[in-house]
Amino acid sequence: MVIDGVEMREIRVADAAGVAEALERNRAYMAPYEPWRAGDFYTEAVQRARIEELLADREAGRARPFVLVAAGESGGGLGAVVGAINLVSVVRGALCSGAIGYWVDQGWAGKGLATAALHELCRIARDEMGLHRVSAGTRVGNLASQRVLAKAGFEQYGLAPRYLHVGGDWQDHRLFQRLLHDLFSYTHL
């Protein structure tokens, strides 16, 4: 899928350097919303290991990791990484659900990229994976991400007190979900 010159595609190990560079570039911008990370988190080696874990989870049916790449902005045919969106913690059976996490480079924020990527990932979760529901969470004060989720058809369904340790303290989070369909019965899963 391409959105205004940005391609959403499955992540690959070769993206590790670009992901590390983008995360470092956006470190201060994302700090209010992300857990504390050790300095080596922003290195190619750690990002390569994270991508390898995501790919192993994909092969096991537990995840679908994607990267957002601006076409033609760097050498090697890979493009500049400007974000990521992942469907993780996929559970089958009676729950048939997964959790979504995403981030977009500060320079691309507010341009509809995250909303379009969420729509596409929900389509994949429904049509390719047969999931019933996807969920996401944001810090209570992250109004921009909450607007993105609302535009992508998510509804708030709860509040999780002291949910995630961010900025040196346990932060409350708003919980969102999008029901993808009610057509499949449990016997089909």
N, C-alpha and C. Protein backbone atom coordinates (compact mmCIF):
# COMPACT_ATOMS: atom_id res chain seq x y z
N MET A 1 0.84 -1.17 0.00
CA MET A 1 0.00 0.00 0.00
C MET A 1 0.89 1.24 0.00
N VAL A 2 0.57 2.23 -0.80
CA VAL A 2 1.31 3.48 -0.87
C VAL A 2 0.37 4.63 -0.53
N ILE A 3 0.81 5.49 0.40
CA ILE A 3 0.05 6.64 0.84
C ILE A 3 0.92 7.88 0.67
N ASP A 4 0.56 8.76 -0.24
CA ASP A 4 1.32 10.00 -0.44
C ASP A 4 2.83 9.78 -0.50
N GLY A 5 3.26 8.79 -1.27
CA GLY A 5 4.68 8.53 -1.44
C GLY A 5 5.31 7.69 -0.34
N VAL A 6 4.50 7.19 0.59
CA VAL A 6 5.01 6.33 1.67
C VAL A 6 4.43 4.94 1.49
N GLU A 7 5.31 3.96 1.45
CA GLU A 7 4.88 2.57 1.29
C GLU A 7 4.78 1.89 2.65
N MET A 8 3.68 1.19 2.86
CA MET A 8 3.53 0.32 4.03
C MET A 8 3.80 -1.09 3.54
N ARG A 9 4.87 -1.69 4.07
CA ARG A 9 5.22 -3.04 3.65
C ARG A 9 5.71 -3.85 4.85
N GLU A 10 5.72 -5.16 4.69
CA GLU A 10 6.20 -6.03 5.76
C GLU A 10 7.65 -5.68 6.05
N ILE A 11 7.98 -5.64 7.32
CA ILE A 11 9.34 -5.30 7.73
C ILE A 11 10.28 -6.44 7.37
N ARG A 12 11.54 -6.11 7.16
CA ARG A 12 12.55 -7.13 6.90
C ARG A 12 13.82 -6.76 7.69
N VAL A 13 14.67 -7.73 7.89
CA VAL A 13 15.88 -7.52 8.68
C VAL A 13 16.71 -6.38 8.11
N ALA A 14 16.72 -6.22 6.80
CA ALA A 14 17.49 -5.15 6.17
C ALA A 14 17.01 -3.75 6.58
N ASP A 15 15.87 -3.64 7.22
CA ASP A 15 15.34 -2.35 7.68
C ASP A 15 15.93 -1.91 9.02
N ALA A 16 16.73 -2.75 9.66
CA ALA A 16 17.21 -2.46 11.01
C ALA A 16 17.91 -1.12 11.13
N ALA A 17 18.80 -0.81 10.21
CA ALA A 17 19.54 0.45 10.29
C ALA A 17 18.59 1.63 10.13
N GLY A 18 17.67 1.55 9.19
CA GLY A 18 16.71 2.63 8.97
C GLY A 18 15.77 2.83 10.15
N VAL A 19 15.34 1.73 10.77
CA VAL A 19 14.47 1.82 11.95
C VAL A 19 15.25 2.47 13.09
N ALA A 20 16.49 2.03 13.31
CA ALA A 20 17.31 2.61 14.39
C ALA A 20 17.51 4.11 14.17
N GLU A 21 17.80 4.49 12.94
CA GLU A 21 18.01 5.90 12.62
C GLU A 21 16.73 6.71 12.87
N ALA A 22 15.60 6.19 12.44
CA ALA A 22 14.33 6.91 12.62
C ALA A 22 13.96 7.02 14.10
N LEU A 23 14.17 5.95 14.85
CA LEU A 23 13.87 6.01 16.29
C LEU A 23 14.77 7.01 17.00
N GLU A 24 16.05 7.03 16.65
CA GLU A 24 16.96 8.01 17.25
C GLU A 24 16.54 9.43 16.88
N ARG A 25 16.20 9.64 15.62
CA ARG A 25 15.79 10.96 15.13
C ARG A 25 14.53 11.45 15.86
N ASN A 26 13.65 10.52 16.26
CA ASN A 26 12.39 10.87 16.89
C ASN A 26 12.37 10.61 18.39
N ARG A 27 13.52 10.38 18.94
CA ARG A 27 13.64 9.99 20.36
C ARG A 27 12.96 11.00 21.29
N ALA A 28 13.29 12.26 21.18
CA ALA A 28 12.70 13.29 22.06
C ALA A 28 11.20 13.46 21.76
N TYR A 29 10.84 13.41 20.49
CA TYR A 29 9.45 13.58 20.08
C TYR A 29 8.56 12.49 20.68
N MET A 30 9.04 11.26 20.71
CA MET A 30 8.22 10.14 21.20
C MET A 30 8.38 9.88 22.70
N ALA A 31 9.35 10.53 23.35
CA ALA A 31 9.63 10.27 24.76
C ALA A 31 8.42 10.40 25.68
N PRO A 32 7.52 11.36 25.48
CA PRO A 32 6.37 11.46 26.40
C PRO A 32 5.40 10.28 26.31
N TYR A 33 5.53 9.45 25.27
CA TYR A 33 4.54 8.39 25.04
C TYR A 33 5.13 6.99 25.08
N GLU A 34 6.45 6.89 25.16
CA GLU A 34 7.13 5.60 25.10
C GLU A 34 7.78 5.28 26.44
N PRO A 35 7.88 4.00 26.77
CA PRO A 35 8.64 3.62 27.97
C PRO A 35 10.10 4.04 27.82
N TRP A 36 10.79 4.18 28.94
CA TRP A 36 12.21 4.49 28.91
C TRP A 36 12.94 3.38 28.18
N ARG A 37 13.91 3.76 27.37
CA ARG A 37 14.71 2.80 26.62
C ARG A 37 16.18 3.03 26.92
N ALA A 38 16.93 1.95 27.09
CA ALA A 38 18.39 2.05 27.24
C ALA A 38 18.97 2.60 25.93
N GLY A 39 20.13 3.24 26.02
CA GLY A 39 20.74 3.85 24.84
C GLY A 39 20.96 2.89 23.69
N ASP A 40 21.25 1.62 23.98
CA ASP A 40 21.51 0.68 22.89
C ASP A 40 20.24 0.29 22.13
N PHE A 41 19.06 0.64 22.66
CA PHE A 41 17.80 0.38 21.95
C PHE A 41 17.82 1.03 20.57
N TYR A 42 18.51 2.15 20.46
CA TYR A 42 18.53 2.94 19.23
C TYR A 42 19.63 2.52 18.27
N THR A 43 20.21 1.35 18.49
CA THR A 43 21.28 0.87 17.62
C THR A 43 20.73 -0.13 16.59
N GLU A 44 21.45 -0.25 15.51
CA GLU A 44 21.07 -1.20 14.47
C GLU A 44 21.03 -2.63 15.00
N ALA A 45 21.98 -2.99 15.86
CA ALA A 45 22.04 -4.36 16.38
C ALA A 45 20.80 -4.71 17.19
N VAL A 46 20.36 -3.81 18.06
CA VAL A 46 19.17 -4.09 18.87
C VAL A 46 17.92 -4.10 17.98
N GLN A 47 17.84 -3.21 17.03
CA GLN A 47 16.68 -3.20 16.14
C GLN A 47 16.65 -4.45 15.26
N ARG A 48 17.81 -4.93 14.85
CA ARG A 48 17.87 -6.17 14.08
C ARG A 48 17.31 -7.32 14.92
N ALA A 49 17.72 -7.40 16.19
CA ALA A 49 17.21 -8.46 17.08
C ALA A 49 15.70 -8.32 17.28
N ARG A 50 15.21 -7.11 17.44
CA ARG A 50 13.75 -6.89 17.60
C ARG A 50 13.00 -7.33 16.34
N ILE A 51 13.54 -6.97 15.18
CA ILE A 51 12.90 -7.35 13.92
C ILE A 51 12.90 -8.87 13.77
N GLU A 52 14.01 -9.51 14.11
CA GLU A 52 14.07 -10.97 14.02
C GLU A 52 13.02 -11.61 14.93
N GLU A 53 12.80 -11.06 16.12
CA GLU A 53 11.75 -11.58 17.01
C GLU A 53 10.37 -11.37 16.40
N LEU A 54 10.13 -10.19 15.84
CA LEU A 54 8.85 -9.93 15.19
C LEU A 54 8.61 -10.89 14.02
N LEU A 55 9.65 -11.14 13.24
CA LEU A 55 9.51 -12.05 12.10
C LEU A 55 9.25 -13.48 12.56
N ALA A 56 9.87 -13.88 13.65
CA ALA A 56 9.59 -15.21 14.22
C ALA A 56 8.15 -15.29 14.69
N ASP A 57 7.66 -14.22 15.31
CA ASP A 57 6.26 -14.18 15.74
C ASP A 57 5.32 -14.19 14.53
N ARG A 58 5.74 -13.52 13.45
CA ARG A 58 4.92 -13.55 12.23
C ARG A 58 4.82 -14.98 11.70
N GLU A 59 5.95 -15.67 11.65
CA GLU A 59 5.95 -17.05 11.15
C GLU A 59 5.09 -17.96 12.02
N ALA A 60 4.99 -17.66 13.30
CA ALA A 60 4.18 -18.45 14.23
C ALA A 60 2.72 -18.00 14.25
N GLY A 61 2.38 -16.98 13.45
CA GLY A 61 1.00 -16.50 13.40
C GLY A 61 0.61 -15.57 14.53
N ARG A 62 1.61 -15.06 15.28
CA ARG A 62 1.33 -14.20 16.43
C ARG A 62 1.49 -12.71 16.15
N ALA A 63 1.95 -12.34 14.95
CA ALA A 63 2.21 -10.93 14.66
C ALA A 63 2.21 -10.68 13.16
N ARG A 64 2.01 -9.42 12.80
CA ARG A 64 2.19 -8.92 11.43
C ARG A 64 2.88 -7.57 11.55
N PRO A 65 4.20 -7.53 11.40
CA PRO A 65 4.95 -6.27 11.53
C PRO A 65 5.15 -5.57 10.18
N PHE A 66 4.96 -4.28 10.18
CA PHE A 66 5.11 -3.47 8.97
C PHE A 66 5.98 -2.25 9.25
N VAL A 67 6.57 -1.74 8.20
CA VAL A 67 7.37 -0.52 8.27
C VAL A 67 6.77 0.46 7.26
N LEU A 68 6.89 1.74 7.55
CA LEU A 68 6.45 2.80 6.65
C LEU A 68 7.70 3.44 6.06
N VAL A 69 7.81 3.42 4.75
CA VAL A 69 9.03 3.85 4.07
C VAL A 69 8.71 4.90 3.03
N ALA A 70 9.39 6.05 3.12
CA ALA A 70 9.24 7.11 2.13
C ALA A 70 10.08 6.75 0.92
N ALA A 71 9.46 6.62 -0.20
CA ALA A 71 10.14 6.18 -1.43
C ALA A 71 11.23 7.15 -1.85
N GLY A 72 12.36 6.57 -2.27
CA GLY A 72 13.42 7.34 -2.89
C GLY A 72 14.18 8.30 -2.00
N GLU A 73 14.07 8.17 -0.68
CA GLU A 73 14.75 9.13 0.18
C GLU A 73 16.08 8.64 0.72
N SER A 74 16.45 7.40 0.42
CA SER A 74 17.78 6.94 0.82
C SER A 74 18.26 5.90 -0.18
N GLY A 75 19.52 5.58 -0.12
CA GLY A 75 20.11 4.64 -1.08
C GLY A 75 19.75 3.20 -0.80
N GLY A 76 20.18 2.32 -1.68
CA GLY A 76 19.99 0.89 -1.49
C GLY A 76 18.60 0.39 -1.79
N GLY A 77 17.73 1.27 -2.31
CA GLY A 77 16.39 0.84 -2.67
C GLY A 77 15.47 0.61 -1.49
N LEU A 78 15.91 0.92 -0.25
CA LEU A 78 15.07 0.68 0.91
C LEU A 78 14.21 1.88 1.28
N GLY A 79 14.62 3.09 0.94
CA GLY A 79 13.88 4.27 1.32
C GLY A 79 14.09 4.60 2.79
N ALA A 80 13.67 5.79 3.18
CA ALA A 80 13.83 6.24 4.56
C ALA A 80 12.65 5.75 5.39
N VAL A 81 12.94 5.14 6.53
CA VAL A 81 11.89 4.68 7.44
C VAL A 81 11.27 5.90 8.11
N VAL A 82 9.94 6.01 8.02
CA VAL A 82 9.22 7.14 8.62
C VAL A 82 8.14 6.66 9.59
N GLY A 83 8.17 5.38 9.93
CA GLY A 83 7.21 4.88 10.91
C GLY A 83 7.13 3.37 10.86
N ALA A 84 6.31 2.85 11.77
CA ALA A 84 6.07 1.41 11.83
C ALA A 84 4.68 1.19 12.41
N ILE A 85 4.10 0.06 12.05
CA ILE A 85 2.82 -0.35 12.61
C ILE A 85 2.85 -1.87 12.72
N ASN A 86 2.49 -2.36 13.88
CA ASN A 86 2.58 -3.78 14.15
C ASN A 86 1.29 -4.30 14.77
N LEU A 87 0.89 -5.45 14.32
CA LEU A 87 -0.17 -6.21 14.97
C LEU A 87 0.54 -7.31 15.73
N VAL A 88 0.42 -7.33 17.05
CA VAL A 88 1.13 -8.28 17.89
C VAL A 88 0.16 -8.95 18.85
N SER A 89 0.68 -9.90 19.60
CA SER A 89 -0.11 -10.60 20.62
C SER A 89 -1.39 -11.19 20.05
N VAL A 90 -1.28 -11.75 18.84
CA VAL A 90 -2.45 -12.35 18.21
C VAL A 90 -2.83 -13.61 18.97
N VAL A 91 -4.10 -13.68 19.33
CA VAL A 91 -4.65 -14.82 20.06
C VAL A 91 -5.81 -15.36 19.23
N ARG A 92 -5.82 -16.66 19.05
CA ARG A 92 -6.90 -17.31 18.29
C ARG A 92 -7.93 -17.86 19.26
N GLY A 93 -8.77 -18.73 18.78
CA GLY A 93 -9.79 -19.34 19.63
C GLY A 93 -10.94 -18.39 19.89
N ALA A 94 -11.47 -18.43 21.07
CA ALA A 94 -12.65 -17.64 21.40
C ALA A 94 -12.39 -16.14 21.39
N LEU A 95 -11.15 -15.70 21.62
CA LEU A 95 -10.84 -14.27 21.63
C LEU A 95 -10.62 -13.74 20.22
N CYS A 96 -9.81 -14.41 19.43
CA CYS A 96 -9.56 -14.05 18.03
C CYS A 96 -9.24 -12.55 17.89
N SER A 97 -8.15 -12.15 18.52
CA SER A 97 -7.85 -10.72 18.65
C SER A 97 -6.36 -10.47 18.56
N GLY A 98 -5.99 -9.20 18.41
CA GLY A 98 -4.60 -8.80 18.42
C GLY A 98 -4.50 -7.35 18.87
N ALA A 99 -3.29 -6.92 19.21
CA ALA A 99 -3.04 -5.55 19.67
C ALA A 99 -2.19 -4.81 18.64
N ILE A 100 -2.50 -3.55 18.44
CA ILE A 100 -1.80 -2.73 17.46
C ILE A 100 -0.98 -1.67 18.17
N GLY A 101 0.25 -1.50 17.70
CA GLY A 101 1.10 -0.40 18.12
C GLY A 101 1.65 0.28 16.88
N TYR A 102 1.84 1.57 16.94
CA TYR A 102 2.33 2.30 15.77
C TYR A 102 3.05 3.58 16.20
N TRP A 103 3.88 4.07 15.32
CA TRP A 103 4.50 5.38 15.48
C TRP A 103 4.80 5.95 14.10
N VAL A 104 4.81 7.27 14.01
CA VAL A 104 5.10 7.97 12.76
C VAL A 104 6.12 9.05 13.05
N ASP A 105 7.08 9.18 12.18
CA ASP A 105 8.11 10.21 12.25
C ASP A 105 7.46 11.58 12.44
N GLN A 106 8.08 12.41 13.27
CA GLN A 106 7.55 13.73 13.56
C GLN A 106 7.30 14.53 12.27
N GLY A 107 8.17 14.39 11.30
CA GLY A 107 8.01 15.13 10.05
C GLY A 107 6.82 14.67 9.21
N TRP A 108 6.27 13.51 9.52
CA TRP A 108 5.12 12.97 8.79
C TRP A 108 3.84 13.00 9.61
N ALA A 109 3.92 13.47 10.83
CA ALA A 109 2.74 13.51 11.71
C ALA A 109 1.70 14.49 11.17
N GLY A 110 0.44 14.16 11.37
CA GLY A 110 -0.65 15.04 10.98
C GLY A 110 -1.00 15.02 9.51
N LYS A 111 -0.46 14.05 8.76
CA LYS A 111 -0.71 13.99 7.31
C LYS A 111 -1.61 12.81 6.92
N GLY A 112 -2.18 12.13 7.90
CA GLY A 112 -3.09 11.02 7.62
C GLY A 112 -2.41 9.68 7.43
N LEU A 113 -1.10 9.63 7.58
CA LEU A 113 -0.35 8.40 7.35
C LEU A 113 -0.73 7.32 8.37
N ALA A 114 -0.77 7.67 9.65
CA ALA A 114 -1.10 6.69 10.68
C ALA A 114 -2.54 6.18 10.51
N THR A 115 -3.46 7.07 10.18
CA THR A 115 -4.85 6.66 9.99
C THR A 115 -4.97 5.68 8.83
N ALA A 116 -4.33 6.00 7.71
CA ALA A 116 -4.38 5.11 6.54
C ALA A 116 -3.73 3.77 6.86
N ALA A 117 -2.60 3.78 7.57
CA ALA A 117 -1.93 2.54 7.93
C ALA A 117 -2.81 1.70 8.86
N LEU A 118 -3.50 2.33 9.80
CA LEU A 118 -4.41 1.61 10.69
C LEU A 118 -5.54 0.96 9.90
N HIS A 119 -6.12 1.71 8.96
CA HIS A 119 -7.18 1.13 8.12
C HIS A 119 -6.67 -0.11 7.39
N GLU A 120 -5.47 -0.01 6.82
CA GLU A 120 -4.91 -1.14 6.06
C GLU A 120 -4.61 -2.32 6.98
N LEU A 121 -4.05 -2.06 8.15
CA LEU A 121 -3.75 -3.16 9.06
C LEU A 121 -5.03 -3.82 9.56
N CYS A 122 -6.08 -3.05 9.76
CA CYS A 122 -7.37 -3.65 10.15
C CYS A 122 -7.93 -4.51 9.02
N ARG A 123 -7.75 -4.07 7.78
CA ARG A 123 -8.19 -4.89 6.65
C ARG A 123 -7.43 -6.21 6.63
N ILE A 124 -6.12 -6.15 6.84
CA ILE A 124 -5.30 -7.36 6.86
C ILE A 124 -5.73 -8.27 8.00
N ALA A 125 -5.95 -7.69 9.18
CA ALA A 125 -6.36 -8.48 10.34
C ALA A 125 -7.69 -9.18 10.08
N ARG A 126 -8.60 -8.50 9.41
CA ARG A 126 -9.92 -9.08 9.11
C ARG A 126 -9.86 -10.06 7.94
N ASP A 127 -9.35 -9.60 6.80
CA ASP A 127 -9.45 -10.37 5.56
C ASP A 127 -8.40 -11.47 5.43
N GLU A 128 -7.19 -11.22 5.89
CA GLU A 128 -6.12 -12.19 5.73
C GLU A 128 -5.91 -13.07 6.96
N MET A 129 -6.23 -12.52 8.13
CA MET A 129 -5.98 -13.27 9.36
C MET A 129 -7.27 -13.76 10.02
N GLY A 130 -8.41 -13.25 9.58
CA GLY A 130 -9.68 -13.69 10.13
C GLY A 130 -9.91 -13.28 11.58
N LEU A 131 -9.30 -12.17 12.01
CA LEU A 131 -9.50 -11.74 13.39
C LEU A 131 -10.84 -11.03 13.56
N HIS A 132 -11.34 -11.10 14.75
CA HIS A 132 -12.61 -10.46 15.11
C HIS A 132 -12.41 -9.06 15.66
N ARG A 133 -11.29 -8.83 16.35
CA ARG A 133 -11.11 -7.59 17.10
C ARG A 133 -9.65 -7.22 17.14
N VAL A 134 -9.37 -5.91 17.12
CA VAL A 134 -8.03 -5.40 17.37
C VAL A 134 -8.14 -4.30 18.43
N SER A 135 -7.07 -4.15 19.20
CA SER A 135 -7.08 -3.16 20.27
C SER A 135 -5.83 -2.30 20.22
N ALA A 136 -5.89 -1.16 20.91
CA ALA A 136 -4.75 -0.25 21.02
C ALA A 136 -4.94 0.56 22.29
N GLY A 137 -3.86 1.10 22.80
CA GLY A 137 -3.93 1.95 23.98
C GLY A 137 -3.09 3.19 23.81
N THR A 138 -3.50 4.29 24.45
CA THR A 138 -2.72 5.53 24.42
C THR A 138 -2.69 6.13 25.82
N ARG A 139 -1.65 6.89 26.10
CA ARG A 139 -1.66 7.66 27.34
C ARG A 139 -2.87 8.58 27.30
N VAL A 140 -3.42 8.86 28.46
CA VAL A 140 -4.61 9.70 28.55
C VAL A 140 -4.41 11.03 27.83
N GLY A 141 -3.24 11.61 27.94
CA GLY A 141 -2.99 12.91 27.32
C GLY A 141 -2.58 12.88 25.87
N ASN A 142 -2.50 11.73 25.25
CA ASN A 142 -2.07 11.63 23.85
C ASN A 142 -3.29 11.81 22.93
N LEU A 143 -3.75 13.04 22.85
CA LEU A 143 -4.97 13.34 22.09
C LEU A 143 -4.79 13.12 20.59
N ALA A 144 -3.58 13.36 20.08
CA ALA A 144 -3.35 13.16 18.64
C ALA A 144 -3.55 11.70 18.27
N SER A 145 -2.99 10.78 19.05
CA SER A 145 -3.14 9.36 18.76
C SER A 145 -4.59 8.92 18.95
N GLN A 146 -5.27 9.49 19.91
CA GLN A 146 -6.68 9.16 20.11
C GLN A 146 -7.53 9.61 18.92
N ARG A 147 -7.20 10.77 18.33
CA ARG A 147 -7.91 11.22 17.13
C ARG A 147 -7.65 10.27 15.96
N VAL A 148 -6.39 9.81 15.83
CA VAL A 148 -6.04 8.86 14.77
C VAL A 148 -6.87 7.59 14.93
N LEU A 149 -6.94 7.05 16.13
CA LEU A 149 -7.70 5.83 16.37
C LEU A 149 -9.18 6.04 16.06
N ALA A 150 -9.74 7.17 16.47
CA ALA A 150 -11.16 7.45 16.18
C ALA A 150 -11.40 7.52 14.68
N LYS A 151 -10.52 8.18 13.94
CA LYS A 151 -10.66 8.27 12.48
C LYS A 151 -10.57 6.90 11.82
N ALA A 152 -9.86 5.98 12.45
CA ALA A 152 -9.71 4.63 11.89
C ALA A 152 -10.79 3.68 12.40
N GLY A 153 -11.82 4.20 13.06
CA GLY A 153 -12.95 3.38 13.45
C GLY A 153 -12.83 2.70 14.80
N PHE A 154 -11.87 3.09 15.61
CA PHE A 154 -11.72 2.53 16.95
C PHE A 154 -12.62 3.26 17.92
N GLU A 155 -13.10 2.54 18.92
CA GLU A 155 -13.92 3.12 19.97
C GLU A 155 -13.24 2.91 21.32
N GLN A 156 -13.32 3.93 22.17
CA GLN A 156 -12.76 3.76 23.51
C GLN A 156 -13.68 2.83 24.29
N TYR A 157 -13.08 1.87 24.99
CA TYR A 157 -13.88 0.95 25.78
C TYR A 157 -13.45 0.88 27.23
N GLY A 158 -12.39 1.59 27.59
CA GLY A 158 -11.99 1.52 28.98
C GLY A 158 -10.81 2.41 29.30
N LEU A 159 -10.50 2.43 30.59
CA LEU A 159 -9.36 3.16 31.10
C LEU A 159 -8.56 2.19 31.96
N ALA A 160 -7.25 2.13 31.71
CA ALA A 160 -6.37 1.25 32.48
C ALA A 160 -5.50 2.12 33.38
N PRO A 161 -5.82 2.18 34.67
CA PRO A 161 -5.01 2.98 35.59
C PRO A 161 -3.60 2.41 35.72
N ARG A 162 -2.62 3.31 35.76
CA ARG A 162 -1.22 2.94 35.96
C ARG A 162 -0.82 1.76 35.07
N TYR A 163 -1.11 1.87 33.78
CA TYR A 163 -0.97 0.79 32.80
C TYR A 163 0.46 0.56 32.33
N LEU A 164 1.20 1.67 32.08
CA LEU A 164 2.53 1.55 31.47
C LEU A 164 3.46 2.56 32.13
N HIS A 165 4.71 2.14 32.36
CA HIS A 165 5.69 3.02 32.99
C HIS A 165 6.33 3.89 31.93
N VAL A 166 5.99 5.18 31.94
CA VAL A 166 6.46 6.14 30.94
C VAL A 166 6.84 7.42 31.68
N GLY A 167 7.95 8.00 31.29
CA GLY A 167 8.36 9.27 31.89
C GLY A 167 8.62 9.20 33.38
N GLY A 168 9.06 8.06 33.87
CA GLY A 168 9.41 7.90 35.26
C GLY A 168 8.26 7.57 36.20
N ASP A 169 7.07 7.34 35.64
CA ASP A 169 5.93 7.04 36.50
C ASP A 169 4.95 6.13 35.76
N TRP A 170 4.09 5.47 36.50
CA TRP A 170 3.04 4.63 35.91
C TRP A 170 1.95 5.54 35.38
N GLN A 171 1.64 5.40 34.10
CA GLN A 171 0.69 6.29 33.43
C GLN A 171 -0.62 5.58 33.11
N ASP A 172 -1.73 6.31 33.30
CA ASP A 172 -3.04 5.81 32.90
C ASP A 172 -3.12 5.80 31.37
N HIS A 173 -3.85 4.83 30.83
CA HIS A 173 -4.04 4.72 29.38
C HIS A 173 -5.51 4.53 29.04
N ARG A 174 -5.90 5.16 27.94
CA ARG A 174 -7.23 4.91 27.37
C ARG A 174 -7.11 3.69 26.46
N LEU A 175 -8.08 2.79 26.55
CA LEU A 175 -8.07 1.57 25.76
C LEU A 175 -9.10 1.68 24.65
N PHE A 176 -8.70 1.28 23.45
CA PHE A 176 -9.54 1.37 22.26
C PHE A 176 -9.62 0.00 21.59
N GLN A 177 -10.70 -0.21 20.88
CA GLN A 177 -10.84 -1.44 20.10
C GLN A 177 -11.60 -1.13 18.82
N ARG A 178 -11.40 -2.00 17.86
CA ARG A 178 -12.20 -1.97 16.64
C ARG A 178 -12.66 -3.39 16.37
N LEU A 179 -13.98 -3.58 16.35
CA LEU A 179 -14.53 -4.88 16.00
C LEU A 179 -14.54 -4.97 14.49
N LEU A 180 -13.95 -6.04 13.98
CA LEU A 180 -13.75 -6.17 12.54
C LEU A 180 -14.92 -6.83 11.85
N HIS A 181 -15.56 -7.78 12.52
CA HIS A 181 -16.75 -8.43 11.99
C HIS A 181 -17.28 -9.43 13.00
N ASP A 182 -18.48 -9.82 12.81
CA ASP A 182 -19.11 -10.83 13.65
C ASP A 182 -19.54 -12.05 12.81
N LEU A 183 -18.93 -12.21 11.65
CA LEU A 183 -19.41 -13.22 10.70
C LEU A 183 -18.90 -14.61 10.99
N PHE A 184 -17.67 -14.72 11.55
CA PHE A 184 -17.11 -16.04 11.77
C PHE A 184 -17.61 -16.62 13.08
N SER A 185 -17.92 -17.87 13.06
CA SER A 185 -18.26 -18.53 14.33
C SER A 185 -17.00 -19.16 14.89
N TYR A 186 -17.01 -19.45 16.13
CA TYR A 186 -15.86 -20.02 16.82
C TYR A 186 -15.43 -21.33 16.17
N THR A 187 -16.36 -22.08 15.61
CA THR A 187 -16.04 -23.38 15.02
C THR A 187 -15.17 -23.25 13.77
N HIS A 188 -15.09 -22.05 13.17
CA HIS A 188 -14.30 -21.85 11.96
C HIS A 188 -12.84 -21.50 12.26
N LEU A 189 -12.50 -21.32 13.52
CA LEU A 189 -11.16 -20.81 13.86
C LEU A 189 -10.19 -21.90 14.17
